[in-house]
Amino acid sequence: MVAFEFDSPSEFTLDTRASAAPSLNTSLSEEMNSRALILLICVLLAAGCHRGTHSGTSTNSGDVGPKSSTSDAQAKSLLEKGKQLYRSDQDSEAADAFRQALQLDPDLADAHFRLGLAYEALNKQEEADVEYKKAVESFKKYLEKNPDDAEAHYDFGQTYAALHQFSDATREYRQAIKLKKDDSDMYYDLGAALTKLAQYDEAVAAFSKSLELDPDNYRAADALDEAREGVKRIQVGRKHQEDLLKKQKEDELKKAGEPGPPHNPTPANN
């Protein structure tokens, strides 16, 4: 629905006191009625145009729909509103805003992704997964036409991470970093996905780069410590496995070289 804002209610309300005020002449009353009629026509026309709008194309949100500047602007505005509400922990209100954005622009991949986040915060995991999967399809379509959009690749990686598809997530993060090499958050999220895959050496490198770009990124500092611990665990586990294999081989060789048990014949009874 199109909303019109007025400084005061009197701007839209006809003055019903006109009949009680003899000083007001007929021409003034007719002018007010004429203005009210014009305004009513504008409202009806605006409502009709709103129902007939198409989805807009977003150059930074994975939108592949037909272009309409009005619906595009409205969808983006609702998307930003939802982000602010989500950041304020108003998850239900954020979900409403994202749904409204998607009504205007069903191909807005970022809105699908963030609606999934809001559903997840509301403990609606099934609904969240549905939105994440819709986001995946929208991002794929968008990136076919816009392969150099670093932010879209990054958000695509975030979507895969939300679906626990960390190999796919790392692929998109790496592509985003190729296009935008100075983003600390991209390196951080790449490191987080690599950690999930137990690829700790590469995770250490990613977190280190994140800190290099942003020394105040405390998340990256903590994650770097954890990744280094992961490297140590892998090394200890590998050493333990090597020791076990070595001992097993030594035992087999020792067993193969030992004589059989001594033969003690039973003495004959006389």
Protein backbone atom coordinates (compact mmCIF):
# COMPACT_ATOMS: atom_id res chain seq x y z
CA MET A 1 0.00 0.00 0.00
CA VAL A 2 1.27 3.47 -0.88
CA ALA A 3 1.39 5.74 2.13
CA PHE A 4 1.05 9.50 2.00
CA GLU A 5 2.42 11.65 4.78
CA PHE A 6 1.02 15.01 5.80
CA ASP A 7 2.25 17.57 8.29
CA SER A 8 -1.15 17.65 10.00
CA PRO A 9 -4.52 15.84 9.66
CA SER A 10 -6.16 19.04 8.42
CA GLU A 11 -4.21 18.83 5.17
CA PHE A 12 -6.28 15.82 4.11
CA THR A 13 -9.55 16.45 6.06
CA LEU A 14 -12.26 18.66 4.62
CA ASP A 15 -13.31 21.51 6.91
CA THR A 16 -16.78 20.46 8.08
CA ARG A 17 -17.22 23.80 9.84
CA ALA A 18 -17.63 25.65 6.53
CA SER A 19 -21.44 25.59 6.74
CA ALA A 20 -21.32 27.18 10.18
CA ALA A 21 -19.02 30.04 9.16
CA PRO A 22 -20.90 32.61 7.09
CA SER A 23 -17.65 34.44 6.29
CA LEU A 24 -16.50 31.58 4.03
CA ASN A 25 -17.80 32.13 0.51
CA THR A 26 -18.98 29.48 -1.92
CA SER A 27 -15.91 29.69 -4.15
CA LEU A 28 -13.62 28.73 -1.25
CA SER A 29 -15.77 25.70 -0.43
CA GLU A 30 -15.77 24.60 -4.06
CA GLU A 31 -11.99 25.01 -4.26
CA MET A 32 -11.47 22.80 -1.19
CA ASN A 33 -13.81 20.14 -2.54
CA SER A 34 -11.96 20.24 -5.87
CA ARG A 35 -8.58 19.82 -4.16
CA ALA A 36 -9.91 16.89 -2.11
CA LEU A 37 -11.22 15.20 -5.26
CA ILE A 38 -7.86 15.61 -7.02
CA LEU A 39 -6.03 14.14 -4.03
CA LEU A 40 -8.42 11.18 -3.90
CA ILE A 41 -7.79 10.48 -7.60
CA CYS A 42 -4.03 10.56 -6.97
CA VAL A 43 -4.37 8.03 -4.15
CA LEU A 44 -6.38 5.64 -6.32
CA LEU A 45 -3.97 5.95 -9.23
CA ALA A 46 -0.95 5.37 -6.99
CA ALA A 47 -2.52 2.26 -5.47
CA GLY A 48 -3.25 0.86 -8.91
CA CYS A 49 0.29 1.52 -10.16
CA HIS A 50 1.80 -0.14 -7.09
CA ARG A 51 -0.08 -3.38 -7.71
CA GLY A 52 1.21 -3.48 -11.26
CA THR A 53 4.93 -3.03 -10.65
CA HIS A 54 7.53 -5.64 -11.62
CA SER A 55 10.49 -6.94 -9.68
CA GLY A 56 13.56 -4.70 -9.86
CA THR A 57 17.13 -5.58 -10.70
CA SER A 58 19.67 -5.18 -7.92
CA THR A 59 23.27 -4.87 -9.02
CA ASN A 60 24.65 -5.93 -5.66
CA SER A 61 22.16 -8.37 -4.19
CA GLY A 62 21.93 -11.18 -6.72
CA ASP A 63 18.74 -9.94 -8.34
CA VAL A 64 17.97 -11.23 -11.83
CA GLY A 65 14.44 -9.91 -12.25
CA PRO A 66 13.18 -7.37 -14.81
CA LYS A 67 14.14 -3.75 -14.16
CA SER A 68 11.77 -1.38 -12.35
CA SER A 69 13.36 1.50 -10.52
CA THR A 70 10.43 1.99 -8.14
CA SER A 71 10.11 -1.58 -6.89
CA ASP A 72 13.89 -1.94 -6.91
CA ALA A 73 14.28 1.04 -4.58
CA GLN A 74 11.46 -0.17 -2.33
CA ALA A 75 12.90 -3.68 -2.13
CA LYS A 76 16.35 -2.35 -1.27
CA SER A 77 14.87 -0.05 1.35
CA LEU A 78 13.03 -2.95 2.96
CA LEU A 79 16.18 -5.07 2.77
CA GLU A 80 18.16 -2.40 4.63
CA LYS A 81 15.35 -2.00 7.15
CA GLY A 82 15.41 -5.74 7.78
CA LYS A 83 19.18 -5.70 8.26
CA GLN A 84 18.89 -2.96 10.88
CA LEU A 85 16.12 -4.82 12.70
CA TYR A 86 18.14 -8.05 12.60
CA ARG A 87 21.17 -6.28 14.02
CA SER A 88 18.93 -4.98 16.82
CA ASP A 89 17.77 -8.54 17.63
CA GLN A 90 14.26 -7.78 16.38
CA ASP A 91 14.18 -11.01 14.42
CA SER A 92 10.44 -11.29 13.84
CA GLU A 93 10.21 -7.73 12.54
CA ALA A 94 13.30 -8.31 10.40
CA ALA A 95 11.71 -11.39 8.86
CA ASP A 96 8.61 -9.33 7.99
CA ALA A 97 10.76 -6.72 6.26
CA PHE A 98 12.67 -9.35 4.26
CA ARG A 99 9.42 -11.03 3.21
CA GLN A 100 8.05 -7.69 2.02
CA ALA A 101 11.23 -7.08 0.04
CA LEU A 102 10.85 -10.48 -1.62
CA GLN A 103 7.24 -9.76 -2.52
CA LEU A 104 8.55 -6.83 -4.53
CA ASP A 105 11.61 -8.68 -5.82
CA PRO A 106 11.47 -12.50 -5.59
CA ASP A 107 14.98 -12.83 -7.05
CA LEU A 108 16.68 -10.71 -4.39
CA ALA A 109 19.21 -13.31 -3.24
CA ASP A 110 20.49 -11.30 -0.28
CA ALA A 111 16.93 -11.01 1.05
CA HIS A 112 16.47 -14.80 0.82
CA PHE A 113 19.76 -15.30 2.66
CA ARG A 114 18.95 -12.82 5.41
CA LEU A 115 15.41 -14.10 5.79
CA GLY A 116 17.03 -17.48 6.39
CA LEU A 117 19.19 -15.93 9.12
CA ALA A 118 16.13 -14.38 10.75
CA TYR A 119 14.24 -17.69 10.63
CA GLU A 120 17.24 -19.45 12.16
CA ALA A 121 17.30 -16.90 14.98
CA LEU A 122 13.61 -17.66 15.52
CA ASN A 123 14.40 -21.40 15.73
CA LYS A 124 12.67 -22.09 12.41
CA GLN A 125 15.43 -24.18 10.87
CA GLU A 126 13.36 -25.81 8.12
CA GLU A 127 12.12 -22.43 6.89
CA ALA A 128 15.67 -21.10 7.11
CA ASP A 129 17.06 -23.90 4.94
CA VAL A 130 14.36 -23.27 2.33
CA GLU A 131 15.40 -19.62 2.08
CA TYR A 132 19.11 -20.47 1.96
CA LYS A 133 18.48 -22.84 -0.95
CA LYS A 134 16.47 -20.17 -2.77
CA ALA A 135 19.36 -17.77 -2.20
CA VAL A 136 21.77 -20.29 -3.75
CA GLU A 137 19.72 -20.47 -6.94
CA SER A 138 19.36 -16.69 -7.16
CA PHE A 139 23.08 -16.12 -6.60
CA LYS A 140 23.94 -18.65 -9.31
CA LYS A 141 21.75 -16.86 -11.84
CA TYR A 142 23.07 -13.45 -10.87
CA LEU A 143 26.73 -14.43 -10.97
CA GLU A 144 26.37 -15.97 -14.41
CA LYS A 145 25.77 -12.43 -15.65
CA ASN A 146 27.90 -10.61 -13.07
CA PRO A 147 30.94 -12.84 -12.39
CA ASP A 148 33.10 -9.95 -11.14
CA ASP A 149 30.83 -8.92 -8.25
CA ALA A 150 33.01 -9.59 -5.21
CA GLU A 151 30.27 -8.88 -2.66
CA ALA A 152 27.90 -11.30 -4.36
CA HIS A 153 30.52 -14.07 -4.26
CA TYR A 154 31.10 -13.32 -0.58
CA ASP A 155 27.38 -13.41 0.26
CA PHE A 156 27.10 -16.60 -1.78
CA GLY A 157 29.84 -18.09 0.38
CA GLN A 158 27.95 -17.02 3.49
CA THR A 159 24.87 -18.79 2.18
CA TYR A 160 26.78 -22.03 1.59
CA ALA A 161 28.28 -21.76 5.07
CA ALA A 162 24.78 -21.43 6.53
CA LEU A 163 23.92 -24.69 4.76
CA HIS A 164 27.12 -26.27 6.19
CA GLN A 165 28.48 -26.74 2.67
CA PHE A 166 31.92 -25.48 3.62
CA SER A 167 33.82 -26.65 0.53
CA ASP A 168 31.46 -24.62 -1.65
CA ALA A 169 31.74 -21.73 0.79
CA THR A 170 35.54 -21.66 0.56
CA ARG A 171 35.33 -21.62 -3.24
CA GLU A 172 33.12 -18.53 -3.21
CA TYR A 173 35.20 -16.80 -0.52
CA ARG A 174 38.36 -17.36 -2.55
CA GLN A 175 36.71 -15.91 -5.64
CA ALA A 176 35.55 -12.89 -3.66
CA ILE A 177 39.10 -12.36 -2.36
CA LYS A 178 40.53 -12.53 -5.89
CA LEU A 179 38.27 -9.63 -6.79
CA LYS A 180 38.68 -7.72 -3.52
CA LYS A 181 41.99 -8.42 -1.83
CA ASP A 182 41.77 -5.92 1.02
CA ASP A 183 38.69 -7.11 2.92
CA SER A 184 39.48 -8.46 6.39
CA ASP A 185 36.07 -10.07 6.86
CA MET A 186 36.40 -12.11 3.69
CA TYR A 187 39.66 -13.61 4.92
CA TYR A 188 38.12 -14.24 8.33
CA ASP A 189 35.15 -16.14 6.93
CA LEU A 190 37.43 -18.10 4.61
CA GLY A 191 39.45 -19.10 7.66
CA ALA A 192 36.29 -20.08 9.54
CA ALA A 193 35.16 -22.35 6.69
CA LEU A 194 38.62 -23.91 6.40
CA THR A 195 38.58 -24.56 10.15
CA LYS A 196 35.30 -26.45 9.74
CA LEU A 197 37.06 -28.59 7.13
CA ALA A 198 40.00 -29.15 9.53
CA GLN A 199 42.31 -27.49 7.01
CA TYR A 200 44.10 -25.68 9.80
CA ASP A 201 47.27 -24.67 7.96
CA GLU A 202 45.28 -22.75 5.37
CA ALA A 203 43.00 -21.38 8.08
CA VAL A 204 46.03 -19.98 9.91
CA ALA A 205 47.11 -18.20 6.73
CA ALA A 206 43.61 -16.75 6.20
CA PHE A 207 43.24 -15.51 9.78
CA SER A 208 46.75 -14.05 9.70
CA LYS A 209 45.87 -12.08 6.56
CA SER A 210 42.64 -10.91 8.16
CA LEU A 211 44.61 -9.54 11.11
CA GLU A 212 47.17 -7.97 8.82
CA LEU A 213 44.39 -6.01 7.12
CA ASP A 214 42.62 -5.20 10.39
CA PRO A 215 44.75 -5.51 13.54
CA ASP A 216 41.67 -4.77 15.66
CA ASN A 217 39.77 -7.79 14.34
CA TYR A 218 39.61 -9.63 17.64
CA ARG A 219 37.50 -12.42 16.19
CA ALA A 220 40.32 -13.21 13.79
CA ALA A 221 42.86 -13.11 16.62
CA ASP A 222 40.89 -15.64 18.68
CA ALA A 223 40.22 -17.82 15.65
CA LEU A 224 43.92 -17.73 14.73
CA ASP A 225 44.83 -19.12 18.15
CA GLU A 226 42.28 -21.91 17.72
CA ALA A 227 43.54 -22.72 14.24
CA ARG A 228 47.11 -22.95 15.52
CA GLU A 229 45.91 -25.34 18.21
CA GLY A 230 44.28 -27.33 15.44
CA VAL A 231 47.60 -27.51 13.60
CA LYS A 232 49.23 -28.85 16.77
CA ARG A 233 46.49 -31.45 17.24
CA ILE A 234 46.93 -32.62 13.67
CA GLN A 235 50.69 -32.86 14.14
CA VAL A 236 50.34 -34.75 17.43
CA GLY A 237 47.75 -37.08 15.93
CA ARG A 238 49.91 -37.70 12.89
CA LYS A 239 52.93 -38.44 15.08
CA HIS A 240 50.88 -40.78 17.24
CA GLN A 241 49.63 -42.61 14.17
CA GLU A 242 53.15 -42.90 12.79
CA ASP A 243 54.37 -44.29 16.13
CA LEU A 244 51.57 -46.85 16.20
CA LEU A 245 52.35 -48.00 12.66
CA LYS A 246 56.04 -48.24 13.50
CA LYS A 247 55.36 -50.28 16.63
CA GLN A 248 52.95 -52.53 14.75
CA LYS A 249 55.57 -53.20 12.08
CA GLU A 250 58.24 -53.91 14.71
CA ASP A 251 55.92 -56.33 16.48
CA GLU A 252 55.20 -58.14 13.23
CA LEU A 253 58.92 -58.46 12.44
CA LYS A 254 59.69 -59.59 15.96
CA LYS A 255 56.93 -62.16 15.85
CA ALA A 256 58.13 -63.49 12.49
CA GLY A 257 61.71 -63.93 13.78
CA GLU A 258 60.89 -65.73 17.06
CA PRO A 259 61.18 -69.58 17.27
CA GLY A 260 58.10 -71.52 18.06
CA PRO A 261 57.33 -72.69 21.59
CA PRO A 262 59.74 -75.40 22.90
CA HIS A 263 58.70 -79.03 22.37
CA ASN A 264 58.53 -80.94 25.69
CA PRO A 265 57.62 -84.59 25.00
CA THR A 266 55.66 -86.29 27.73
CA PRO A 267 57.85 -88.94 29.46
CA ALA A 268 56.72 -92.52 28.93
CA ASN A 269 55.33 -94.42 31.91
CA ASN A 270 57.33 -97.48 32.81
